[in-house]
Protein backbone atom coordinates (compact mmCIF):
# COMPACT_ATOMS: atom_id res chain seq x y z
CA MET A 1 -0.18 0.05 -0.30
CA ILE A 2 2.71 2.22 0.72
CA LYS A 3 4.27 2.20 -2.34
CA ARG A 4 1.10 2.44 -4.46
CA ILE A 5 0.51 5.62 -2.24
CA ALA A 6 4.23 6.82 -3.50
CA GLN A 7 3.48 6.05 -6.92
CA ALA A 8 0.06 8.06 -6.71
CA PHE A 9 1.82 11.05 -5.67
CA GLY A 10 4.99 10.86 -8.09
CA PHE A 11 2.42 10.91 -10.31
CA ALA A 12 0.56 14.18 -9.46
CA ALA A 13 3.52 15.93 -9.00
CA ILE A 14 4.95 15.44 -12.61
CA LEU A 15 1.45 15.85 -13.44
CA LEU A 16 0.98 19.09 -11.89
CA LEU A 17 4.53 20.44 -12.25
CA PRO A 18 4.08 23.06 -15.39
CA ASN A 19 1.22 24.65 -12.75
CA TYR A 20 3.89 24.94 -9.58
CA VAL A 21 7.29 25.07 -11.22
CA ASP A 22 7.67 28.76 -11.00
CA LEU A 23 7.04 29.01 -7.22
CA THR A 24 9.69 26.00 -6.88
CA SER A 25 11.71 26.98 -9.04
CA SER A 26 15.37 28.77 -7.89
CA ALA A 27 15.03 31.95 -9.95
CA GLY A 28 12.38 32.76 -7.99
CA ASP A 29 10.63 34.30 -11.03
CA ASP A 30 7.30 34.14 -8.95
CA ARG A 31 8.83 36.49 -6.10
CA MET A 32 10.24 39.07 -8.17
CA ARG A 33 7.06 39.51 -9.87
CA SER A 34 4.74 39.26 -6.54
CA PRO A 35 4.29 41.85 -4.06
CA GLU A 36 1.57 39.54 -2.61
CA PRO A 37 2.41 36.88 0.14
CA LEU A 38 1.83 33.41 -2.31
CA THR A 39 0.54 31.81 0.67
CA LYS A 40 -2.96 30.70 -0.81
CA ILE A 41 -1.81 29.88 -3.97
CA ALA A 42 0.89 27.48 -2.63
CA ILE A 43 -1.51 26.18 -0.24
CA ALA A 44 -4.19 25.34 -3.36
CA GLN A 45 -1.16 23.78 -5.49
CA ILE A 46 -0.66 21.42 -2.22
CA THR A 47 -4.30 20.27 -2.50
CA ASP A 48 -4.62 19.88 -5.98
CA LEU A 49 -1.35 17.65 -5.50
CA VAL A 50 -3.18 15.18 -2.67
CA ILE A 51 -6.41 15.40 -5.02
CA VAL A 52 -4.74 14.44 -8.03
CA ALA A 53 -2.85 11.65 -5.95
CA LEU A 54 -5.83 10.39 -4.07
CA VAL A 55 -7.97 10.18 -7.97
CA PHE A 56 -5.05 8.04 -9.21
CA LEU A 57 -5.09 5.96 -6.36
CA ILE A 58 -8.98 5.33 -6.36
CA VAL A 59 -8.94 4.88 -10.24
CA MET A 60 -5.74 2.05 -9.97
CA ALA A 61 -7.26 0.38 -7.48
CA ILE A 62 -10.82 0.29 -9.51
CA LEU A 63 -8.39 -0.75 -12.63
CA ARG A 64 -6.18 -3.46 -10.78
CA GLY A 65 -9.82 -5.01 -9.99
CA LEU A 66 -10.47 -6.20 -13.62
CA LYS A 67 -10.67 -9.14 -15.04
CA TRP A 68 -8.65 -7.46 -17.96
CA TRP A 69 -6.12 -5.98 -15.73
CA PRO A 70 -3.17 -7.82 -17.25
CA LYS A 71 -3.45 -6.21 -20.79
CA LEU A 72 -4.62 -3.04 -19.05
CA ARG A 73 -1.52 -2.27 -17.55
CA TRP A 74 0.76 -2.51 -21.15
CA ILE A 75 -1.73 0.01 -22.34
CA LEU A 76 -1.06 2.24 -19.29
CA MET A 77 2.19 1.88 -19.77
CA ALA A 78 2.58 3.06 -23.41
CA ALA A 79 0.15 5.83 -22.73
CA PHE A 80 2.16 7.60 -18.98
CA PRO A 81 5.12 8.54 -20.60
CA PRO A 82 3.55 10.47 -24.18
CA PHE A 83 0.90 11.63 -21.78
CA LEU A 84 3.33 13.24 -19.53
CA LEU A 85 5.67 14.16 -21.35
CA VAL A 86 3.02 16.01 -23.69
CA ARG A 87 1.65 17.75 -20.69
CA ASN A 88 5.46 19.44 -19.46
CA LEU A 89 6.30 20.76 -22.82
CA ASN A 90 5.83 24.12 -21.88
CA VAL A 91 8.70 23.22 -18.78
CA PHE A 92 10.93 22.56 -21.04
CA PRO A 93 13.99 25.27 -21.48
CA PHE A 94 13.68 25.42 -24.84
CA PRO A 95 10.60 24.41 -27.38
CA VAL A 96 10.25 20.53 -28.44
CA PRO A 97 8.59 20.94 -32.38
CA ASN A 98 5.51 19.10 -32.59
CA ALA A 99 7.18 16.28 -34.74
CA VAL A 100 9.64 15.26 -32.41
CA VAL A 101 6.89 14.52 -29.70
CA VAL A 102 4.92 12.63 -31.93
CA THR A 103 7.85 10.54 -32.84
CA ALA A 104 8.89 9.95 -29.66
CA SER A 105 5.84 8.87 -28.34
CA LEU A 106 5.60 6.48 -31.46
CA ALA A 107 8.86 5.13 -30.69
CA TRP A 108 8.08 4.69 -27.14
CA ILE A 109 4.61 2.77 -28.63
CA VAL A 110 6.23 0.23 -31.22
CA VAL A 111 9.23 -0.49 -29.12
CA LEU A 112 7.26 -1.38 -26.06
CA GLY A 113 4.59 -3.40 -28.43
CA PHE A 114 8.08 -5.18 -30.08
CA LEU A 115 9.21 -6.13 -26.84
CA ILE A 116 5.96 -7.67 -25.45
CA LEU A 117 5.21 -9.81 -28.32
CA ARG A 118 8.75 -10.61 -29.11
CA VAL A 119 10.98 -10.66 -25.74
CA PRO A 120 8.44 -10.79 -22.96
CA SER A 121 10.41 -11.61 -20.45
CA PHE A 122 12.55 -8.20 -20.84
CA ALA A 123 9.27 -5.95 -21.26
CA ASN A 124 8.10 -7.36 -17.55
CA LYS A 125 11.55 -6.26 -16.62
CA LEU A 126 10.96 -2.94 -18.01
CA ARG A 127 7.19 -2.71 -16.42
CA ARG A 128 8.49 -3.49 -13.32
CA ALA A 129 11.58 -0.85 -13.53
CA GLY A 130 8.82 1.57 -14.77
CA GLY A 131 7.00 0.88 -11.63
CA VAL A 132 10.24 1.56 -9.27
CA VAL A 133 10.87 4.62 -11.26
CA LEU A 134 7.60 6.03 -10.55
CA THR A 135 7.41 5.33 -6.58
CA GLY A 136 10.81 7.07 -6.88
CA PHE A 137 9.14 10.14 -7.87
CA ALA A 138 7.28 10.21 -4.51
CA VAL A 139 10.83 11.76 -3.36
CA PHE A 140 10.38 14.34 -5.86
CA SER A 141 6.90 15.18 -4.69
CA ILE A 142 7.69 15.14 -0.77
CA VAL A 143 10.82 17.76 -2.11
CA VAL A 144 8.02 19.80 -4.21
CA THR A 145 5.55 20.24 -1.46
CA TRP A 146 8.23 21.03 1.04
CA GLN A 147 9.40 23.93 -1.51
CA LEU A 148 5.31 24.97 -1.60
CA VAL A 149 5.42 24.76 2.18
CA ARG A 150 8.43 27.62 1.95
CA ALA A 151 6.78 29.54 -0.81
CA ALA A 152 3.77 29.75 1.83
CA THR A 153 5.59 31.29 4.14
CA TRP A 154 7.34 33.81 2.56
CA ARG A 155 6.66 37.32 2.66
CA PRO A 156 7.87 39.64 0.20
CA GLY A 157 9.15 42.93 0.82
CA PRO A 158 7.55 46.69 0.63
CA LYS A 159 5.27 47.41 -2.06
CA ALA A 160 5.03 50.98 -1.38
CA TYR A 161 6.49 54.14 0.72
CA VAL A 162 6.35 57.60 0.00
CA THR A 163 8.98 60.19 1.30
CA ALA A 164 7.88 63.65 1.46
CA ILE A 165 9.59 66.12 -1.56
CA PRO A 166 9.12 69.61 -0.96
CA ALA A 167 7.88 71.54 -4.21
CA GLN A 168 10.49 72.54 -6.81
CA PRO A 169 10.54 75.65 -8.71
CA ALA A 170 9.49 75.72 -12.15
CA THR A 171 13.06 76.27 -13.65
CA ARG A 172 14.31 73.02 -12.04
CA PRO A 173 15.31 70.24 -14.34
CA ARG A 174 13.31 67.27 -14.17
CA LEU A 175 13.81 63.86 -15.94
CA VAL A 176 10.62 61.88 -16.69
CA TRP A 177 11.46 57.94 -18.09
CA ILE A 178 8.57 55.80 -19.36
CA LEU A 179 9.06 52.09 -20.03
CA PHE A 180 6.24 50.61 -21.95
CA ASP A 181 6.62 47.09 -21.57
CA GLU A 182 6.66 45.35 -25.29
CA LEU A 183 6.38 48.86 -27.30
CA ALA A 184 7.48 48.10 -30.73
CA TYR A 185 8.83 49.96 -33.20
CA LYS A 186 7.11 48.69 -36.71
CA PRO A 187 4.02 48.12 -35.63
CA THR A 188 3.85 51.71 -34.08
CA PHE A 189 5.80 53.90 -36.60
CA GLU A 190 7.11 51.98 -39.37
CA SER A 191 4.69 49.79 -40.91
CA ARG A 192 1.08 50.67 -38.76
CA ASP A 193 -1.52 48.83 -39.75
CA PRO A 194 -3.95 51.46 -41.46
CA SER A 195 -6.70 50.16 -39.20
CA LEU A 196 -4.94 52.13 -36.08
CA GLN A 197 -4.56 55.40 -35.35
CA LEU A 198 -1.67 56.33 -32.25
CA PRO A 199 -2.61 60.44 -32.44
CA ASN A 200 -0.85 60.87 -29.16
CA PHE A 201 2.71 58.54 -30.25
CA ASP A 202 2.82 61.05 -33.57
CA ARG A 203 2.01 64.45 -31.35
CA LEU A 204 5.33 62.87 -28.89
CA ARG A 205 7.36 62.34 -32.21
CA SER A 206 6.67 65.43 -33.22
CA GLU A 207 8.63 66.72 -30.60
CA SER A 208 10.88 64.29 -29.60
CA THR A 209 14.02 62.26 -31.29
CA LEU A 210 13.41 58.79 -32.84
CA TYR A 211 15.63 56.32 -32.85
CA THR A 212 14.27 53.83 -35.93
CA GLU A 213 17.27 50.97 -35.84
CA VAL A 214 17.17 50.30 -32.07
CA SER A 215 19.04 46.77 -31.04
CA PRO A 216 17.59 45.67 -27.67
CA ILE A 217 20.07 44.48 -24.98
CA ALA A 218 17.67 41.33 -24.23
CA TYR A 219 14.87 39.44 -24.86
CA TRP A 220 13.10 39.55 -21.37
CA THR A 221 12.60 42.42 -19.39
CA THR A 222 14.09 40.98 -16.21
CA GLN A 223 17.38 40.81 -17.67
CA VAL A 224 16.72 44.68 -19.64
CA VAL A 225 15.56 46.48 -16.57
CA PRO A 226 18.75 45.96 -14.58
CA SER A 227 20.61 46.10 -17.55
CA LEU A 228 20.10 49.63 -18.00
CA GLN A 229 20.45 50.55 -14.38
CA LEU A 230 23.78 49.05 -14.31
CA GLY A 231 25.24 49.80 -17.61
CA ARG A 232 26.27 46.12 -17.69
CA VAL A 233 24.37 43.56 -20.12
CA VAL A 234 22.66 41.04 -17.61
CA ARG A 235 22.13 37.86 -18.71
CA THR A 236 20.19 36.34 -15.75
CA VAL A 237 18.42 37.33 -12.46
CA THR A 238 17.25 35.58 -9.61
CA TYR A 239 15.87 37.20 -6.32
CA THR A 240 15.97 34.72 -3.13
CA SER A 241 13.61 33.95 -0.55
CA ASP A 242 15.44 36.49 2.07
CA HIS A 243 15.26 40.02 -0.82
CA ARG A 244 18.56 39.26 -2.18
CA TYR A 245 18.52 40.24 -6.05
CA LEU A 246 21.38 38.53 -7.42
CA VAL A 247 22.52 39.01 -11.21
CA ARG A 248 24.89 37.08 -13.57
CA THR A 249 26.57 39.81 -16.14
CA ILE A 250 27.63 39.05 -19.71
CA ASP A 251 31.28 39.94 -19.15
CA SER A 252 31.26 37.80 -15.42
CA PRO A 253 30.31 33.93 -14.91
CA HIS A 254 29.74 34.83 -10.88
CA TRP A 255 26.36 35.62 -9.15
CA GLU A 256 26.70 39.11 -7.51
CA THR A 257 24.38 41.27 -5.36
CA PHE A 258 22.80 43.82 -7.34
CA ASP A 259 23.60 46.94 -5.94
CA PRO A 260 21.24 49.63 -5.83
CA SER A 261 24.32 52.58 -5.47
CA SER A 262 25.66 51.66 -8.50
CA SER A 263 22.51 51.70 -10.00
CA LEU A 264 21.27 54.93 -12.08
CA PHE A 265 18.98 55.60 -9.51
CA GLY A 266 21.64 55.15 -6.92
CA LEU A 267 23.26 57.77 -9.11
CA ALA A 268 20.77 60.18 -8.96
CA LYS A 269 20.71 59.92 -5.16
CA LYS A 270 24.30 60.82 -4.86
CA HIS A 271 24.00 63.82 -7.50
CA GLY A 272 21.54 65.07 -4.55
CA LEU A 273 18.38 64.00 -6.74
CA THR A 274 15.06 62.80 -5.54
CA VAL A 275 13.71 59.40 -7.23
CA SER A 276 10.12 58.05 -7.77
CA ILE A 277 9.29 54.70 -8.91
CA THR A 278 6.11 53.21 -10.20
CA GLY A 279 7.01 49.21 -11.64
CA TRP A 280 5.40 46.55 -12.53
CA CYS A 281 6.67 43.11 -13.24
CA ILE A 282 10.11 43.88 -11.17
CA THR A 283 10.73 43.81 -7.39
CA TYR A 284 10.95 47.58 -7.71
CA CYS A 285 10.50 48.46 -4.16
CA PRO A 286 12.59 45.75 -1.75
CA VAL A 287 15.33 46.56 -4.54
CA PHE A 288 15.61 50.12 -4.43
CA ALA A 289 14.43 51.16 -0.77
CA GLY A 290 16.74 53.50 0.87
CA THR A 291 17.68 54.82 -2.73
CA ALA A 292 14.04 55.76 -4.31
CA SER A 293 11.90 58.69 -2.12
CA GLU A 294 8.76 57.34 -3.40
CA CYS A 295 8.34 53.48 -4.53
CA TYR A 296 5.00 51.88 -5.81
CA TRP A 297 5.11 48.49 -7.89
CA ALA A 298 2.41 45.73 -8.16
CA ASP A 299 1.95 42.44 -10.55
CA ASP A 300 -1.49 40.68 -10.63
CA ASP A 301 -0.23 38.84 -13.68
CA ALA A 302 0.49 34.85 -13.14
CA GLN A 303 1.95 34.05 -16.54
CA ASP A 304 4.38 31.39 -15.26
CA ARG A 305 2.12 30.45 -12.52
CA GLY A 306 -1.04 28.81 -13.19
CA PRO A 307 -3.37 28.94 -13.70
CA THR A 308 -3.88 30.48 -10.23
CA SER A 309 -4.32 34.34 -9.68
CA LEU A 310 -3.46 36.19 -6.26
CA ASN A 311 -7.30 37.77 -6.41
CA ALA A 312 -9.29 34.41 -7.17
CA SER A 313 -10.51 32.54 -4.19
CA PHE A 314 -8.56 29.84 -2.37
CA ALA A 315 -11.52 27.55 -4.08
CA GLN A 316 -11.37 28.67 -7.28
CA ASN A 317 -7.29 28.60 -7.61
CA VAL A 318 -7.71 24.71 -6.49
CA TRP A 319 -10.68 23.97 -8.95
CA PHE A 320 -9.88 25.75 -11.99
CA PRO A 321 -6.54 24.80 -12.37
CA LEU A 322 -7.66 20.47 -12.31
CA ARG A 323 -10.49 21.90 -14.55
CA VAL A 324 -7.81 23.17 -17.34
CA LEU A 325 -5.89 19.73 -16.94
CA VAL A 326 -9.44 17.98 -17.39
CA GLU A 327 -10.27 20.31 -20.45
CA GLN A 328 -6.27 19.94 -22.15
CA PHE A 329 -7.16 16.21 -22.80
CA THR A 330 -10.92 16.11 -23.38
CA THR A 331 -11.77 19.76 -25.21
CA PRO A 332 -8.56 21.37 -25.70
CA ASP A 333 -10.47 24.06 -27.72
CA ARG A 334 -12.11 25.00 -24.34
CA ALA A 335 -8.61 24.98 -22.42
CA TRP A 336 -7.09 26.78 -24.61
CA ALA A 337 -9.80 29.63 -24.48
CA ASP A 338 -10.25 29.35 -20.56
CA THR A 339 -5.96 29.61 -20.48
CA ALA A 340 -6.54 32.83 -22.39
CA ASN A 341 -9.64 34.41 -20.69
CA TRP A 342 -7.74 34.04 -17.43
CA LYS A 343 -4.26 35.11 -18.61
CA SER A 344 -6.48 38.22 -19.93
CA GLN A 345 -8.14 38.97 -16.39
CA GLY A 346 -5.11 39.18 -14.50
CA HIS A 347 -3.20 41.38 -17.08
CA ILE A 348 -6.25 43.81 -17.23
CA ALA A 349 -6.23 43.88 -13.23
CA SER A 350 -2.42 45.15 -13.53
CA VAL A 351 -2.97 47.28 -16.14
CA LYS A 352 -5.61 49.17 -14.37
CA ASP A 353 -3.44 49.10 -11.23
CA MET A 354 -0.54 50.44 -13.04
CA SER A 355 -2.22 52.70 -14.96
CA GLU A 356 -4.14 54.33 -12.23
CA HIS A 357 -0.74 54.55 -9.95
CA ALA A 358 1.14 56.35 -12.51
CA LEU A 359 -1.06 59.08 -13.62
CA GLU A 360 -1.32 60.15 -9.83
CA THR A 361 2.73 59.87 -9.69
CA ILE A 362 3.20 61.99 -12.80
CA ALA A 363 0.79 64.60 -11.52
CA THR A 364 1.83 64.83 -7.96
CA SER A 365 5.42 63.77 -7.35
CA GLN A 366 7.46 66.31 -7.01
CA ALA A 367 10.49 63.76 -7.89
CA ASP A 368 13.50 64.96 -10.23
CA LEU A 369 13.51 61.66 -11.94
CA VAL A 370 10.24 59.71 -12.29
CA TYR A 371 10.55 56.76 -13.64
CA VAL A 372 7.75 54.58 -14.41
CA HIS A 373 7.30 50.78 -15.82
CA LEU A 374 3.98 50.41 -17.49
CA PRO A 375 2.67 46.74 -18.45
CA VAL A 376 1.29 47.96 -21.84
CA PRO A 377 1.17 47.17 -24.65
CA HIS A 378 2.43 43.55 -23.07
CA PRO A 379 0.47 40.56 -24.42
CA PRO A 380 -2.11 39.07 -23.15
CA GLU A 381 -4.29 41.24 -24.93
CA PHE A 382 -6.64 43.49 -22.55
CA TRP A 383 -7.96 46.37 -24.28
CA ASN A 384 -11.12 46.36 -27.09
CA ARG A 385 -10.23 49.49 -28.80
CA HIS A 386 -12.98 49.25 -31.13
CA THR A 387 -15.39 49.55 -27.87
CA ARG A 388 -12.73 51.09 -25.59
CA THR A 389 -13.34 48.80 -22.80
CA PHE A 390 -11.23 46.43 -20.90
CA ALA A 391 -11.84 42.73 -22.45
CA PRO A 392 -10.18 39.53 -23.13
CA GLY A 393 -9.35 38.51 -26.86
CA GLY A 394 -7.87 41.63 -28.18
CA SER A 395 -4.69 41.62 -30.54
CA TYR A 396 -1.57 43.75 -30.31
CA LEU A 397 -2.88 46.60 -32.13
CA ASP A 398 -5.56 46.85 -29.43
CA SER A 399 -3.06 47.39 -26.53
CA LEU A 400 -1.41 49.63 -28.83
CA ASP A 401 -4.46 51.51 -28.93
CA TYR A 402 -4.97 51.93 -25.20
CA SER A 403 -1.02 52.45 -24.56
CA ASP A 404 -1.65 55.77 -26.99
CA ARG A 405 -4.60 56.42 -24.94
CA LEU A 406 -2.50 56.39 -21.62
CA LEU A 407 0.18 58.07 -23.17
CA GLY A 408 -2.21 60.85 -24.24
CA GLN A 409 -3.12 61.16 -20.82
CA ILE A 410 0.34 61.32 -19.17
CA LEU A 411 1.44 63.95 -21.95
CA ASN A 412 -1.81 66.17 -21.05
CA VAL A 413 -0.75 65.96 -17.44
CA LEU A 414 3.04 66.68 -17.36
CA GLN A 415 2.47 69.30 -20.27
CA ALA A 416 0.57 71.55 -18.00
CA GLN A 417 2.35 71.09 -15.17
CA PRO A 418 4.97 74.33 -14.35
CA ARG A 419 7.90 72.08 -14.95
CA TRP A 420 7.43 70.99 -18.41
CA ALA A 421 9.94 73.13 -20.05
CA ALA A 422 12.36 72.21 -17.79
CA THR A 423 11.37 68.38 -18.07
CA THR A 424 12.81 65.72 -20.26
CA LEU A 425 10.89 62.80 -21.54
CA VAL A 426 12.36 59.28 -22.31
CA VAL A 427 9.56 56.70 -23.83
CA GLN A 428 11.08 53.49 -24.92
CA GLY A 429 10.27 49.67 -24.93
CA ASP A 430 12.21 47.22 -23.12
CA HIS A 431 12.06 45.25 -25.75
CA SER A 432 9.80 44.20 -28.96
CA TRP A 433 6.87 42.49 -29.46
CA ARG A 434 7.76 39.09 -28.88
CA THR A 435 5.64 37.48 -32.07
CA GLN A 436 7.85 34.27 -31.32
CA LEU A 437 7.22 33.81 -27.69
CA TRP A 438 3.44 34.54 -27.88
CA ARG A 439 2.34 33.48 -31.33
CA PRO A 440 1.66 29.25 -29.77
CA VAL A 441 0.33 30.31 -26.89
CA ALA A 442 -3.56 30.80 -25.75
CA GLY A 443 -4.62 34.19 -26.43
CA TRP A 444 -2.61 34.88 -29.86
CA SER A 445 -5.37 36.35 -32.02
CA ALA A 446 -6.40 36.03 -35.83
CA GLU A 447 -5.50 39.86 -36.12
CA ASP A 448 -2.01 39.13 -34.65
CA GLU A 449 -1.53 36.56 -37.12
CA ARG A 450 -2.35 39.26 -39.63
CA VAL A 451 -0.56 41.81 -38.43
CA SER A 452 2.99 39.91 -37.49
CA ARG A 453 2.74 38.01 -41.18
CA GLY A 454 2.44 34.77 -39.70
CA GLY A 455 4.33 35.25 -36.30
CA GLN A 456 7.84 37.62 -38.32
CA TRP A 457 9.45 38.98 -35.68
CA ASP A 458 11.51 42.22 -35.35
CA PRO A 459 13.85 42.55 -32.73
CA ARG A 460 13.23 46.84 -32.79
CA PRO A 461 12.08 48.51 -29.67
CA VAL A 462 10.74 52.29 -29.26
CA LEU A 463 13.19 54.73 -28.63
CA LEU A 464 11.66 58.44 -28.36
CA ILE A 465 13.80 61.11 -26.23
CA HIS A 466 12.42 64.69 -25.93
CA ALA A 467 14.56 66.70 -24.60
CA ALA A 468 13.67 69.67 -22.36
CA GLY A 469 12.01 72.74 -24.56
CA GLN A 470 12.43 70.33 -27.72
CA GLN A 471 9.63 71.49 -30.82
CA GLU A 472 10.57 69.99 -34.18
CA PRO A 473 11.14 66.37 -34.90
CA LYS A 474 14.39 64.80 -35.12
CA THR A 475 15.46 61.16 -36.46
CA VAL A 476 18.12 58.78 -35.85
CA VAL A 477 18.58 56.63 -38.56
CA SER A 478 21.95 54.94 -37.96
CA PRO A 479 22.24 51.82 -35.47
CA THR A 480 21.80 52.26 -31.94
CA ASN A 481 22.03 49.84 -29.02
CA LEU A 482 19.84 50.23 -26.53
CA MET A 483 21.89 50.86 -23.90
CA LEU A 484 22.10 54.70 -25.28
CA VAL A 485 19.43 54.98 -22.38
CA HIS A 486 21.70 53.96 -19.67
CA ASP A 487 24.12 56.57 -20.69
CA PHE A 488 21.36 59.53 -21.77
CA VAL A 489 19.73 59.12 -18.05
CA ALA A 490 23.57 58.96 -16.47
CA ALA A 491 24.33 62.25 -18.34
CA GLN A 492 21.40 63.95 -17.57
CA ILE A 493 21.35 63.10 -13.92
CA ARG A 494 25.08 64.62 -13.86
CA ALA A 495 23.94 67.88 -15.51
CA MET A 496 20.76 68.45 -13.57
CA SER A 497 22.82 67.78 -9.60
């Protein structure tokens, strides 16, 4: 009985791995993106492990009592490896082509069938070995459960803090730095779809310098943001349970603690400037505590931890992942739609929250350097440009429409302020629209397919710089690395002190 219980929990741990892998990953990605405790998410995952293990135990007990069990167990042995492989495809750190999955699955079934018919003694040994392996995965399930318990007890650093900043004279220089996550140059400026109007990006472009050939620093936001702060290309990051933010740069194989005093925000503080941060996705406030005068960060998305949500009830976080799991193998189209809707709802919450706080910060902050990281036009889609409402099922064009409207609100606030004439404004994307990343996952629309021409990827992010007092457009067509933003901001900080 103990062996069968162990096999049940081993099976559950492998089957549910895509749901909890980010909670137990040593990279700490989920901690890096969550300003809230993960307790109810982790406990829901543990509950799902128990439920799946019990169901497996009961079903297997029933099957063992059937008279055709000796033949049925061979069918299960043939089916389990392909089944678990397909279930865990998104856990692999590299894409696995469908042809490889089909070939490997058929090869396994053919080889097993040959052994059963031609070498039954070896097939029986292989079956017993498979049982031992599945039992051994119980150790994996114990480790996973312990990691989930640790995740349940983890507490995040500060979500927000404010230090009073005195009102500043209208002539005091100010730098406003806005990062639109996943803002791509090509669909925004170069090859804008005829159905899309972006009057506010055009408005800013008419009094700014536009860089048309910007090469990205990295593919992921978690690499780009610290790279821009340090002026060194960061290739990987991790955020530990004790709130240490560690990075590895391209010029060093060793982990090092991210030093906020060596960042652009740290440079601003050294030069006597005040800093305000409003950010998404990156653990801004815990990392820059003591450096920024004002900070707010949030993230209601759960892109890799799913499908669960901090905004959902405990019962929903238990039930919905199991429902989607069943749908994936019974009604795949329904699972696809449910997953897309779940992702969009979480992103809608992020967009609403960050938009509200960004506008409030820009309207009220007296800081010399105001930094805003917005979760738009980053997928999953969250906006319907035709009804002008938040809604799942849109496209990247819809997200650009919302981004333009938000930019218009920001510009209206900034240009009405006494310090506008002394304000330098940087508007950028951290990377382009990653069509290769989003095309295979739930949420990709027919309009996305059309606009991207079948998922073709253009790596250039947007970069616009409005110098204080600039009234005419300028264009830089020479190749420019996005790291230019670090050097530009650093120069502005020194000039403002």
